[in-house]
Amino acid sequence: MNGSPARLPSAVFAQDKGDLLTGHDALLSARQAPERFEPNPKLRVDDGSVVLGAEVAVVDLLAAVLARVVLEAQRVASGGFEIPIRRGGGQQADAQMRRAESAP
């Protein structure tokens, strides 16, 4: 890391039972079943759904990624935290979630 911010990949992997893995867990699982892996769910937003072994709604992929972000933020934060929302190309979006209170 060397002072750089930690990165959480937005990749998603659909397990056999339908559970969705995200982040590094998804990257590792993709080696076993690449057909169940979506490396860039944000780019699929206009598709409506994708086939990852079974059909999965893109909104469910994005919800899984955002839920993981919240869990990771709560894990590392003591008190509040900021989650900048970025659009393609790494530009910071005008709308940001400035402060979110982490639940104990």
PDB file of N, CA and C in Angstrom:
ATOM      1  N   MET A   1       0.822  -1.192   0.000  1.00  0.00           N
ATOM      2  CA  MET A   1       0.000   0.000   0.000  1.00  0.00           C
ATOM      3  C   MET A   1       0.868   1.259   0.000  1.00  0.00           C
ATOM      4  N   ASN A   2       1.875   1.322   0.794  1.00  0.00           N
ATOM      5  CA  ASN A   2       2.823   2.435   0.810  1.00  0.00           C
ATOM      6  C   ASN A   2       2.157   3.806   0.785  1.00  0.00           C
ATOM      7  N   GLY A   3       1.179   4.028   1.640  1.00  0.00           N
ATOM      8  CA  GLY A   3       0.536   5.322   1.733  1.00  0.00           C
ATOM      9  C   GLY A   3      -0.575   5.556   0.727  1.00  0.00           C
ATOM     10  N   SER A   4      -0.700   4.678  -0.270  1.00  0.00           N
ATOM     11  CA  SER A   4      -1.781   4.850  -1.237  1.00  0.00           C
ATOM     12  C   SER A   4      -3.075   4.278  -0.661  1.00  0.00           C
ATOM     13  N   PRO A   5      -4.216   4.808  -1.089  1.00  0.00           N
ATOM     14  CA  PRO A   5      -5.478   4.312  -0.540  1.00  0.00           C
ATOM     15  C   PRO A   5      -5.721   2.858  -0.938  1.00  0.00           C
ATOM     16  N   ALA A   6      -6.363   2.127  -0.059  1.00  0.00           N
ATOM     17  CA  ALA A   6      -6.699   0.738  -0.349  1.00  0.00           C
ATOM     18  C   ALA A   6      -7.740   0.704  -1.455  1.00  0.00           C
ATOM     19  N   ARG A   7      -7.646  -0.284  -2.304  1.00  0.00           N
ATOM     20  CA  ARG A   7      -8.586  -0.446  -3.411  1.00  0.00           C
ATOM     21  C   ARG A   7      -9.404  -1.699  -3.189  1.00  0.00           C
ATOM     22  N   LEU A   8     -10.696  -1.597  -3.430  1.00  0.00           N
ATOM     23  CA  LEU A   8     -11.593  -2.739  -3.343  1.00  0.00           C
ATOM     24  C   LEU A   8     -12.167  -2.955  -4.737  1.00  0.00           C
ATOM     25  N   PRO A   9     -11.749  -4.022  -5.417  1.00  0.00           N
ATOM     26  CA  PRO A   9     -12.266  -4.252  -6.773  1.00  0.00           C
ATOM     27  C   PRO A   9     -13.790  -4.367  -6.771  1.00  0.00           C
ATOM     28  N   SER A  10     -14.423  -3.881  -7.817  1.00  0.00           N
ATOM     29  CA  SER A  10     -15.874  -3.966  -7.926  1.00  0.00           C
ATOM     30  C   SER A  10     -16.323  -5.262  -8.590  1.00  0.00           C
ATOM     31  N   ALA A  11     -15.404  -6.174  -8.832  1.00  0.00           N
ATOM     32  CA  ALA A  11     -15.722  -7.450  -9.475  1.00  0.00           C
ATOM     33  C   ALA A  11     -16.721  -8.258  -8.639  1.00  0.00           C
ATOM     34  N   VAL A  12     -17.535  -9.056  -9.355  1.00  0.00           N
ATOM     35  CA  VAL A  12     -18.549  -9.893  -8.709  1.00  0.00           C
ATOM     36  C   VAL A  12     -18.459 -11.312  -9.257  1.00  0.00           C
ATOM     37  N   PHE A  13     -18.623 -12.284  -8.376  1.00  0.00           N
ATOM     38  CA  PHE A  13     -18.638 -13.695  -8.743  1.00  0.00           C
ATOM     39  C   PHE A  13     -19.907 -14.321  -8.178  1.00  0.00           C
ATOM     40  N   ALA A  14     -20.653 -15.049  -9.015  1.00  0.00           N
ATOM     41  CA  ALA A  14     -21.878 -15.718  -8.576  1.00  0.00           C
ATOM     42  C   ALA A  14     -21.552 -17.159  -8.188  1.00  0.00           C
ATOM     43  N   GLN A  15     -21.791 -17.488  -6.932  1.00  0.00           N
ATOM     44  CA  GLN A  15     -21.570 -18.854  -6.477  1.00  0.00           C
ATOM     45  C   GLN A  15     -22.692 -19.759  -6.972  1.00  0.00           C
ATOM     46  N   ASP A  16     -22.480 -21.077  -6.881  1.00  0.00           N
ATOM     47  CA  ASP A  16     -23.465 -22.054  -7.357  1.00  0.00           C
ATOM     48  C   ASP A  16     -24.851 -21.831  -6.763  1.00  0.00           C
ATOM     49  N   LYS A  17     -24.925 -21.468  -5.503  1.00  0.00           N
ATOM     50  CA  LYS A  17     -26.212 -21.299  -4.822  1.00  0.00           C
ATOM     51  C   LYS A  17     -26.810 -19.911  -5.032  1.00  0.00           C
ATOM     52  N   GLY A  18     -26.132 -19.069  -5.815  1.00  0.00           N
ATOM     53  CA  GLY A  18     -26.669 -17.752  -6.117  1.00  0.00           C
ATOM     54  C   GLY A  18     -26.102 -16.620  -5.279  1.00  0.00           C
ATOM     55  N   ASP A  19     -25.331 -16.932  -4.227  1.00  0.00           N
ATOM     56  CA  ASP A  19     -24.710 -15.877  -3.436  1.00  0.00           C
ATOM     57  C   ASP A  19     -23.674 -15.152  -4.288  1.00  0.00           C
ATOM     58  N   LEU A  20     -23.518 -13.850  -4.045  1.00  0.00           N
ATOM     59  CA  LEU A  20     -22.575 -13.046  -4.808  1.00  0.00           C
ATOM     60  C   LEU A  20     -21.371 -12.681  -3.954  1.00  0.00           C
ATOM     61  N   LEU A  21     -20.196 -13.018  -4.452  1.00  0.00           N
ATOM     62  CA  LEU A  21     -18.945 -12.608  -3.823  1.00  0.00           C
ATOM     63  C   LEU A  21     -18.455 -11.354  -4.526  1.00  0.00           C
ATOM     64  N   THR A  22     -17.816 -10.472  -3.785  1.00  0.00           N
ATOM     65  CA  THR A  22     -17.316  -9.232  -4.371  1.00  0.00           C
ATOM     66  C   THR A  22     -15.851  -9.027  -4.011  1.00  0.00           C
ATOM     67  N   GLY A  23     -15.244  -8.066  -4.679  1.00  0.00           N
ATOM     68  CA  GLY A  23     -13.878  -7.674  -4.357  1.00  0.00           C
ATOM     69  C   GLY A  23     -12.860  -8.759  -4.645  1.00  0.00           C
ATOM     70  N   HIS A  24     -11.879  -8.854  -3.764  1.00  0.00           N
ATOM     71  CA  HIS A  24     -10.799  -9.834  -3.938  1.00  0.00           C
ATOM     72  C   HIS A  24     -11.325 -11.262  -3.885  1.00  0.00           C
ATOM     73  N   ASP A  25     -12.387 -11.505  -3.105  1.00  0.00           N
ATOM     74  CA  ASP A  25     -12.999 -12.834  -3.059  1.00  0.00           C
ATOM     75  C   ASP A  25     -13.512 -13.233  -4.447  1.00  0.00           C
ATOM     76  N   ALA A  26     -14.105 -12.289  -5.151  1.00  0.00           N
ATOM     77  CA  ALA A  26     -14.592 -12.554  -6.507  1.00  0.00           C
ATOM     78  C   ALA A  26     -13.434 -12.833  -7.458  1.00  0.00           C
ATOM     79  N   LEU A  27     -12.363 -12.052  -7.335  1.00  0.00           N
ATOM     80  CA  LEU A  27     -11.202 -12.264  -8.201  1.00  0.00           C
ATOM     81  C   LEU A  27     -10.605 -13.652  -8.019  1.00  0.00           C
ATOM     82  N   LEU A  28     -10.485 -14.077  -6.771  1.00  0.00           N
ATOM     83  CA  LEU A  28      -9.928 -15.401  -6.493  1.00  0.00           C
ATOM     84  C   LEU A  28     -10.834 -16.521  -6.993  1.00  0.00           C
ATOM     85  N   SER A  29     -12.137 -16.363  -6.829  1.00  0.00           N
ATOM     86  CA  SER A  29     -13.088 -17.397  -7.253  1.00  0.00           C
ATOM     87  C   SER A  29     -13.187 -17.488  -8.769  1.00  0.00           C
ATOM     88  N   ALA A  30     -12.909 -16.419  -9.467  1.00  0.00           N
ATOM     89  CA  ALA A  30     -13.004 -16.393 -10.927  1.00  0.00           C
ATOM     90  C   ALA A  30     -12.080 -17.410 -11.578  1.00  0.00           C
ATOM     91  N   ARG A  31     -11.013 -17.767 -10.910  1.00  0.00           N
ATOM     92  CA  ARG A  31     -10.080 -18.753 -11.458  1.00  0.00           C
ATOM     93  C   ARG A  31     -10.733 -20.123 -11.593  1.00  0.00           C
ATOM     94  N   GLN A  32     -11.661 -20.420 -10.696  1.00  0.00           N
ATOM     95  CA  GLN A  32     -12.316 -21.724 -10.694  1.00  0.00           C
ATOM     96  C   GLN A  32     -13.448 -21.813 -11.707  1.00  0.00           C
ATOM     97  N   ALA A  33     -14.161 -20.700 -11.928  1.00  0.00           N
ATOM     98  CA  ALA A  33     -15.309 -20.710 -12.837  1.00  0.00           C
ATOM     99  C   ALA A  33     -15.445 -19.331 -13.492  1.00  0.00           C
ATOM    100  N   PRO A  34     -14.647 -19.058 -14.503  1.00  0.00           N
ATOM    101  CA  PRO A  34     -14.657 -17.729 -15.123  1.00  0.00           C
ATOM    102  C   PRO A  34     -16.016 -17.334 -15.717  1.00  0.00           C
ATOM    103  N   GLU A  35     -16.845 -18.300 -16.048  1.00  0.00           N
ATOM    104  CA  GLU A  35     -18.162 -17.998 -16.614  1.00  0.00           C
ATOM    105  C   GLU A  35     -19.124 -17.402 -15.585  1.00  0.00           C
ATOM    106  N   ARG A  36     -18.758 -17.460 -14.302  1.00  0.00           N
ATOM    107  CA  ARG A  36     -19.589 -16.905 -13.228  1.00  0.00           C
ATOM    108  C   ARG A  36     -19.039 -15.576 -12.715  1.00  0.00           C
ATOM    109  N   PHE A  37     -18.136 -14.972 -13.472  1.00  0.00           N
ATOM    110  CA  PHE A  37     -17.397 -13.788 -13.040  1.00  0.00           C
ATOM    111  C   PHE A  37     -17.738 -12.577 -13.896  1.00  0.00           C
ATOM    112  N   GLU A  38     -17.981 -11.453 -13.250  1.00  0.00           N
ATOM    113  CA  GLU A  38     -18.161 -10.170 -13.943  1.00  0.00           C
ATOM    114  C   GLU A  38     -17.129  -9.193 -13.375  1.00  0.00           C
ATOM    115  N   PRO A  39     -16.091  -8.866 -14.151  1.00  0.00           N
ATOM    116  CA  PRO A  39     -15.033  -8.000 -13.632  1.00  0.00           C
ATOM    117  C   PRO A  39     -15.435  -6.531 -13.506  1.00  0.00           C
ATOM    118  N   ASN A  40     -16.405  -6.086 -14.303  1.00  0.00           N
ATOM    119  CA  ASN A  40     -16.768  -4.662 -14.333  1.00  0.00           C
ATOM    120  C   ASN A  40     -18.281  -4.464 -14.323  1.00  0.00           C
ATOM    121  N   PRO A  41     -18.936  -4.734 -13.211  1.00  0.00           N
ATOM    122  CA  PRO A  41     -20.395  -4.617 -13.203  1.00  0.00           C
ATOM    123  C   PRO A  41     -20.899  -3.203 -13.490  1.00  0.00           C
ATOM    124  N   LYS A  42     -20.101  -2.186 -13.200  1.00  0.00           N
ATOM    125  CA  LYS A  42     -20.514  -0.808 -13.465  1.00  0.00           C
ATOM    126  C   LYS A  42     -20.691  -0.559 -14.960  1.00  0.00           C
ATOM    127  N   LEU A  43     -19.953  -1.275 -15.782  1.00  0.00           N
ATOM    128  CA  LEU A  43     -20.055  -1.104 -17.232  1.00  0.00           C
ATOM    129  C   LEU A  43     -21.263  -1.833 -17.816  1.00  0.00           C
ATOM    130  N   ARG A  44     -21.927  -2.650 -17.026  1.00  0.00           N
ATOM    131  CA  ARG A  44     -23.065  -3.443 -17.491  1.00  0.00           C
ATOM    132  C   ARG A  44     -24.404  -2.836 -17.106  1.00  0.00           C
ATOM    133  N   VAL A  45     -24.398  -1.633 -16.556  1.00  0.00           N
ATOM    134  CA  VAL A  45     -25.613  -1.030 -16.004  1.00  0.00           C
ATOM    135  C   VAL A  45     -26.734  -0.932 -17.041  1.00  0.00           C
ATOM    136  N   ASP A  46     -26.423  -0.747 -18.301  1.00  0.00           N
ATOM    137  CA  ASP A  46     -27.450  -0.643 -19.340  1.00  0.00           C
ATOM    138  C   ASP A  46     -27.960  -2.000 -19.811  1.00  0.00           C
ATOM    139  N   ASP A  47     -27.325  -3.073 -19.381  1.00  0.00           N
ATOM    140  CA  ASP A  47     -27.704  -4.411 -19.845  1.00  0.00           C
ATOM    141  C   ASP A  47     -28.923  -4.985 -19.131  1.00  0.00           C
ATOM    142  N   GLY A  48     -29.227  -4.513 -17.949  1.00  0.00           N
ATOM    143  CA  GLY A  48     -30.371  -5.047 -17.216  1.00  0.00           C
ATOM    144  C   GLY A  48     -30.051  -6.297 -16.440  1.00  0.00           C
ATOM    145  N   SER A  49     -29.465  -7.290 -17.123  1.00  0.00           N
ATOM    146  CA  SER A  49     -29.056  -8.523 -16.446  1.00  0.00           C
ATOM    147  C   SER A  49     -27.872  -9.127 -17.186  1.00  0.00           C
ATOM    148  N   VAL A  50     -27.163 -10.012 -16.486  1.00  0.00           N
ATOM    149  CA  VAL A  50     -26.030 -10.740 -17.065  1.00  0.00           C
ATOM    150  C   VAL A  50     -26.174 -12.215 -16.689  1.00  0.00           C
ATOM    151  N   VAL A  51     -25.551 -13.063 -17.469  1.00  0.00           N
ATOM    152  CA  VAL A  51     -25.580 -14.489 -17.164  1.00  0.00           C
ATOM    153  C   VAL A  51     -24.256 -14.865 -16.512  1.00  0.00           C
ATOM    154  N   LEU A  52     -24.345 -15.235 -15.248  1.00  0.00           N
ATOM    155  CA  LEU A  52     -23.178 -15.694 -14.478  1.00  0.00           C
ATOM    156  C   LEU A  52     -23.513 -17.084 -13.952  1.00  0.00           C
ATOM    157  N   GLY A  53     -23.635 -18.033 -14.870  1.00  0.00           N
ATOM    158  CA  GLY A  53     -24.137 -19.351 -14.511  1.00  0.00           C
ATOM    159  C   GLY A  53     -25.648 -19.335 -14.579  1.00  0.00           C
ATOM    160  N   ALA A  54     -26.259 -18.359 -13.961  1.00  0.00           N
ATOM    161  CA  ALA A  54     -27.697 -18.088 -14.029  1.00  0.00           C
ATOM    162  C   ALA A  54     -27.849 -16.592 -14.280  1.00  0.00           C
ATOM    163  N   GLU A  55     -29.030 -16.185 -14.684  1.00  0.00           N
ATOM    164  CA  GLU A  55     -29.258 -14.768 -14.936  1.00  0.00           C
ATOM    165  C   GLU A  55     -29.294 -13.993 -13.626  1.00  0.00           C
ATOM    166  N   VAL A  56     -28.543 -12.904 -13.591  1.00  0.00           N
ATOM    167  CA  VAL A  56     -28.463 -12.051 -12.403  1.00  0.00           C
ATOM    168  C   VAL A  56     -28.737 -10.614 -12.837  1.00  0.00           C
ATOM    169  N   ALA A  57     -29.614  -9.936 -12.132  1.00  0.00           N
ATOM    170  CA  ALA A  57     -29.905  -8.530 -12.434  1.00  0.00           C
ATOM    171  C   ALA A  57     -28.684  -7.669 -12.118  1.00  0.00           C
ATOM    172  N   VAL A  58     -28.380  -6.740 -13.008  1.00  0.00           N
ATOM    173  CA  VAL A  58     -27.239  -5.854 -12.796  1.00  0.00           C
ATOM    174  C   VAL A  58     -27.419  -5.052 -11.516  1.00  0.00           C
ATOM    175  N   VAL A  59     -28.643  -4.669 -11.194  1.00  0.00           N
ATOM    176  CA  VAL A  59     -28.878  -3.935  -9.952  1.00  0.00           C
ATOM    177  C   VAL A  59     -28.451  -4.773  -8.743  1.00  0.00           C
ATOM    178  N   ASP A  60     -28.597  -6.097  -8.816  1.00  0.00           N
ATOM    179  CA  ASP A  60     -28.144  -6.961  -7.725  1.00  0.00           C
ATOM    180  C   ASP A  60     -26.622  -7.003  -7.643  1.00  0.00           C
ATOM    181  N   LEU A  61     -25.959  -6.962  -8.796  1.00  0.00           N
ATOM    182  CA  LEU A  61     -24.487  -6.910  -8.799  1.00  0.00           C
ATOM    183  C   LEU A  61     -24.007  -5.631  -8.124  1.00  0.00           C
ATOM    184  N   LEU A  62     -24.610  -4.508  -8.513  1.00  0.00           N
ATOM    185  CA  LEU A  62     -24.201  -3.220  -7.947  1.00  0.00           C
ATOM    186  C   LEU A  62     -24.534  -3.126  -6.468  1.00  0.00           C
ATOM    187  N   ALA A  63     -25.672  -3.674  -6.068  1.00  0.00           N
ATOM    188  CA  ALA A  63     -26.041  -3.674  -4.648  1.00  0.00           C
ATOM    189  C   ALA A  63     -25.043  -4.481  -3.835  1.00  0.00           C
ATOM    190  N   ALA A  64     -24.579  -5.600  -4.380  1.00  0.00           N
ATOM    191  CA  ALA A  64     -23.595  -6.429  -3.673  1.00  0.00           C
ATOM    192  C   ALA A  64     -22.285  -5.668  -3.492  1.00  0.00           C
ATOM    193  N   VAL A  65     -21.863  -4.961  -4.532  1.00  0.00           N
ATOM    194  CA  VAL A  65     -20.624  -4.174  -4.455  1.00  0.00           C
ATOM    195  C   VAL A  65     -20.765  -3.070  -3.401  1.00  0.00           C
ATOM    196  N   LEU A  66     -21.874  -2.344  -3.428  1.00  0.00           N
ATOM    197  CA  LEU A  66     -22.067  -1.254  -2.472  1.00  0.00           C
ATOM    198  C   LEU A  66     -22.208  -1.766  -1.038  1.00  0.00           C
ATOM    199  N   ALA A  67     -22.848  -2.907  -0.872  1.00  0.00           N
ATOM    200  CA  ALA A  67     -22.954  -3.500   0.470  1.00  0.00           C
ATOM    201  C   ALA A  67     -21.561  -3.850   0.993  1.00  0.00           C
ATOM    202  N   ARG A  68     -20.701  -4.338   0.122  1.00  0.00           N
ATOM    203  CA  ARG A  68     -19.335  -4.676   0.519  1.00  0.00           C
ATOM    204  C   ARG A  68     -18.551  -3.425   0.903  1.00  0.00           C
ATOM    205  N   VAL A  69     -18.769  -2.342   0.168  1.00  0.00           N
ATOM    206  CA  VAL A  69     -18.111  -1.080   0.487  1.00  0.00           C
ATOM    207  C   VAL A  69     -18.493  -0.627   1.887  1.00  0.00           C
ATOM    208  N   VAL A  70     -19.771  -0.699   2.198  1.00  0.00           N
ATOM    209  CA  VAL A  70     -20.239  -0.296   3.530  1.00  0.00           C
ATOM    210  C   VAL A  70     -19.616  -1.174   4.604  1.00  0.00           C
ATOM    211  N   LEU A  71     -19.598  -2.495   4.386  1.00  0.00           N
ATOM    212  CA  LEU A  71     -19.000  -3.405   5.371  1.00  0.00           C
ATOM    213  C   LEU A  71     -17.525  -3.097   5.599  1.00  0.00           C
ATOM    214  N   GLU A  72     -16.797  -2.856   4.531  1.00  0.00           N
ATOM    215  CA  GLU A  72     -15.371  -2.551   4.659  1.00  0.00           C
ATOM    216  C   GLU A  72     -15.161  -1.211   5.351  1.00  0.00           C
ATOM    217  N   ALA A  73     -15.988  -0.226   5.034  1.00  0.00           N
ATOM    218  CA  ALA A  73     -15.867   1.083   5.686  1.00  0.00           C
ATOM    219  C   ALA A  73     -16.151   0.970   7.179  1.00  0.00           C
ATOM    220  N   GLN A  74     -17.169   0.213   7.533  1.00  0.00           N
ATOM    221  CA  GLN A  74     -17.479   0.023   8.947  1.00  0.00           C
ATOM    222  C   GLN A  74     -16.352  -0.725   9.655  1.00  0.00           C
ATOM    223  N   ARG A  75     -15.729  -1.647   8.946  1.00  0.00           N
ATOM    224  CA  ARG A  75     -14.650  -2.442   9.542  1.00  0.00           C
ATOM    225  C   ARG A  75     -13.440  -1.582   9.890  1.00  0.00           C
ATOM    226  N   VAL A  76     -13.108  -0.652   9.029  1.00  0.00           N
ATOM    227  CA  VAL A  76     -11.881   0.120   9.239  1.00  0.00           C
ATOM    228  C   VAL A  76     -12.099   1.462   9.924  1.00  0.00           C
ATOM    229  N   ALA A  77     -13.331   1.946   9.958  1.00  0.00           N
ATOM    230  CA  ALA A  77     -13.588   3.279  10.509  1.00  0.00           C
ATOM    231  C   ALA A  77     -13.938   3.212  11.992  1.00  0.00           C
ATOM    232  N   SER A  78     -13.449   4.184  12.692  1.00  0.00           N
ATOM    233  CA  SER A  78     -13.891   4.360  14.075  1.00  0.00           C
ATOM    234  C   SER A  78     -14.666   5.662  14.101  1.00  0.00           C
ATOM    235  N   GLY A  79     -15.959   5.566  14.029  1.00  0.00           N
ATOM    236  CA  GLY A  79     -16.816   6.745  13.918  1.00  0.00           C
ATOM    237  C   GLY A  79     -17.366   6.832  12.521  1.00  0.00           C
ATOM    238  N   GLY A  80     -17.284   8.018  11.926  1.00  0.00           N
ATOM    239  CA  GLY A  80     -17.837   8.240  10.594  1.00  0.00           C
ATOM    240  C   GLY A  80     -16.831   7.919   9.507  1.00  0.00           C
ATOM    241  N   PHE A  81     -17.299   7.950   8.280  1.00  0.00           N
ATOM    242  CA  PHE A  81     -16.434   7.696   7.140  1.00  0.00           C
ATOM    243  C   PHE A  81     -17.005   8.402   5.920  1.00  0.00           C
ATOM    244  N   GLU A  82     -16.153   8.619   4.917  1.00  0.00           N
ATOM    245  CA  GLU A  82     -16.572   9.213   3.652  1.00  0.00           C
ATOM    246  C   GLU A  82     -16.481   8.172   2.557  1.00  0.00           C
ATOM    247  N   ILE A  83     -17.454   8.211   1.658  1.00  0.00           N
ATOM    248  CA  ILE A  83     -17.419   7.328   0.495  1.00  0.00           C
ATOM    249  C   ILE A  83     -17.588   8.211  -0.737  1.00  0.00           C
ATOM    250  N   PRO A  84     -16.492   8.541  -1.442  1.00  0.00           N
ATOM    251  CA  PRO A  84     -16.651   9.321  -2.672  1.00  0.00           C
ATOM    252  C   PRO A  84     -17.227   8.435  -3.755  1.00  0.00           C
ATOM    253  N   ILE A  85     -18.178   8.960  -4.505  1.00  0.00           N
ATOM    254  CA  ILE A  85     -18.771   8.212  -5.609  1.00  0.00           C
ATOM    255  C   ILE A  85     -18.137   8.737  -6.878  1.00  0.00           C
ATOM    256  N   ARG A  86     -17.534   7.850  -7.643  1.00  0.00           N
ATOM    257  CA  ARG A  86     -16.786   8.262  -8.833  1.00  0.00           C
ATOM    258  C   ARG A  86     -17.439   7.701 -10.083  1.00  0.00           C
ATOM    259  N   ARG A  87     -17.291   8.444 -11.172  1.00  0.00           N
ATOM    260  CA  ARG A  87     -17.771   7.948 -12.453  1.00  0.00           C
ATOM    261  C   ARG A  87     -16.572   7.502 -13.267  1.00  0.00           C
ATOM    262  N   GLY A  88     -16.819   6.886 -14.415  1.00  0.00           N
ATOM    263  CA  GLY A  88     -15.750   6.358 -15.251  1.00  0.00           C
ATOM    264  C   GLY A  88     -14.628   7.351 -15.477  1.00  0.00           C
ATOM    265  N   GLY A  89     -13.427   6.848 -15.594  1.00  0.00           N
ATOM    266  CA  GLY A  89     -12.271   7.694 -15.809  1.00  0.00           C
ATOM    267  C   GLY A  89     -11.668   8.229 -14.530  1.00  0.00           C
ATOM    268  N   GLY A  90     -12.229   7.856 -13.386  1.00  0.00           N
ATOM    269  CA  GLY A  90     -11.678   8.257 -12.109  1.00  0.00           C
ATOM    270  C   GLY A  90     -12.038   9.667 -11.681  1.00  0.00           C
ATOM    271  N   GLN A  91     -12.926  10.351 -12.412  1.00  0.00           N
ATOM    272  CA  GLN A  91     -13.320  11.708 -12.021  1.00  0.00           C
ATOM    273  C   GLN A  91     -14.279  11.626 -10.841  1.00  0.00           C
ATOM    274  N   GLN A  92     -14.098  12.532  -9.934  1.00  0.00           N
ATOM    275  CA  GLN A  92     -14.973  12.552  -8.757  1.00  0.00           C
ATOM    276  C   GLN A  92     -16.321  13.128  -9.164  1.00  0.00           C
ATOM    277  N   ALA A  93     -17.376  12.416  -8.830  1.00  0.00           N
ATOM    278  CA  ALA A  93     -18.726  12.877  -9.151  1.00  0.00           C
ATOM    279  C   ALA A  93     -19.095  14.074  -8.279  1.00  0.00           C
ATOM    280  N   ASP A  94     -20.002  14.901  -8.789  1.00  0.00           N
ATOM    281  CA  ASP A  94     -20.447  16.068  -8.025  1.00  0.00           C
ATOM    282  C   ASP A  94     -21.119  15.636  -6.736  1.00  0.00           C
ATOM    283  N   ALA A  95     -21.919  14.588  -6.835  1.00  0.00           N
ATOM    284  CA  ALA A  95     -22.627  14.106  -5.644  1.00  0.00           C
ATOM    285  C   ALA A  95     -21.714  13.174  -4.873  1.00  0.00           C
ATOM    286  N   GLN A  96     -21.547  13.437  -3.610  1.00  0.00           N
ATOM    287  CA  GLN A  96     -20.755  12.567  -2.739  1.00  0.00           C
ATOM    288  C   GLN A  96     -21.536  12.294  -1.478  1.00  0.00           C
ATOM    289  N   MET A  97     -21.299  11.121  -0.961  1.00  0.00           N
ATOM    290  CA  MET A  97     -21.822  10.833   0.361  1.00  0.00           C
ATOM    291  C   MET A  97     -20.772  11.362   1.316  1.00  0.00           C
ATOM    292  N   ARG A  98     -21.042  12.519   1.924  1.00  0.00           N
ATOM    293  CA  ARG A  98     -20.043  13.203   2.734  1.00  0.00           C
ATOM    294  C   ARG A  98     -19.726  12.478   4.033  1.00  0.00           C
ATOM    295  N   ARG A  99     -20.728  12.199   4.775  1.00  0.00           N
ATOM    296  CA  ARG A  99     -20.477  11.521   6.058  1.00  0.00           C
ATOM    297  C   ARG A  99     -21.539  10.452   6.224  1.00  0.00           C
ATOM    298  N   ALA A 100     -21.106   9.293   6.591  1.00  0.00           N
ATOM    299  CA  ALA A 100     -22.044   8.228   6.934  1.00  0.00           C
ATOM    300  C   ALA A 100     -21.646   7.733   8.321  1.00  0.00           C
ATOM    301  N   GLU A 101     -22.578   7.568   9.144  1.00  0.00           N
ATOM    302  CA  GLU A 101     -22.292   7.111  10.500  1.00  0.00           C
ATOM    303  C   GLU A 101     -22.221   5.596  10.489  1.00  0.00           C
ATOM    304  N   SER A 102     -21.122   5.067  10.950  1.00  0.00           N
ATOM    305  CA  SER A 102     -21.002   3.604  11.001  1.00  0.00           C
ATOM    306  C   SER A 102     -21.759   3.098  12.225  1.00  0.00           C
ATOM    307  N   ALA A 103     -22.519   2.051  11.996  1.00  0.00           N
ATOM    308  CA  ALA A 103     -23.281   1.444  13.084  1.00  0.00           C
ATOM    309  C   ALA A 103     -22.375   0.493  13.867  1.00  0.00           C
ATOM    310  N   PRO A 104     -22.486   0.487  15.169  1.00  0.00           N
ATOM    311  CA  PRO A 104     -21.645  -0.420  15.962  1.00  0.00           C
ATOM    312  C   PRO A 104     -21.993  -1.875  15.730  1.00  0.00           C
TER     313      PRO A 104
END
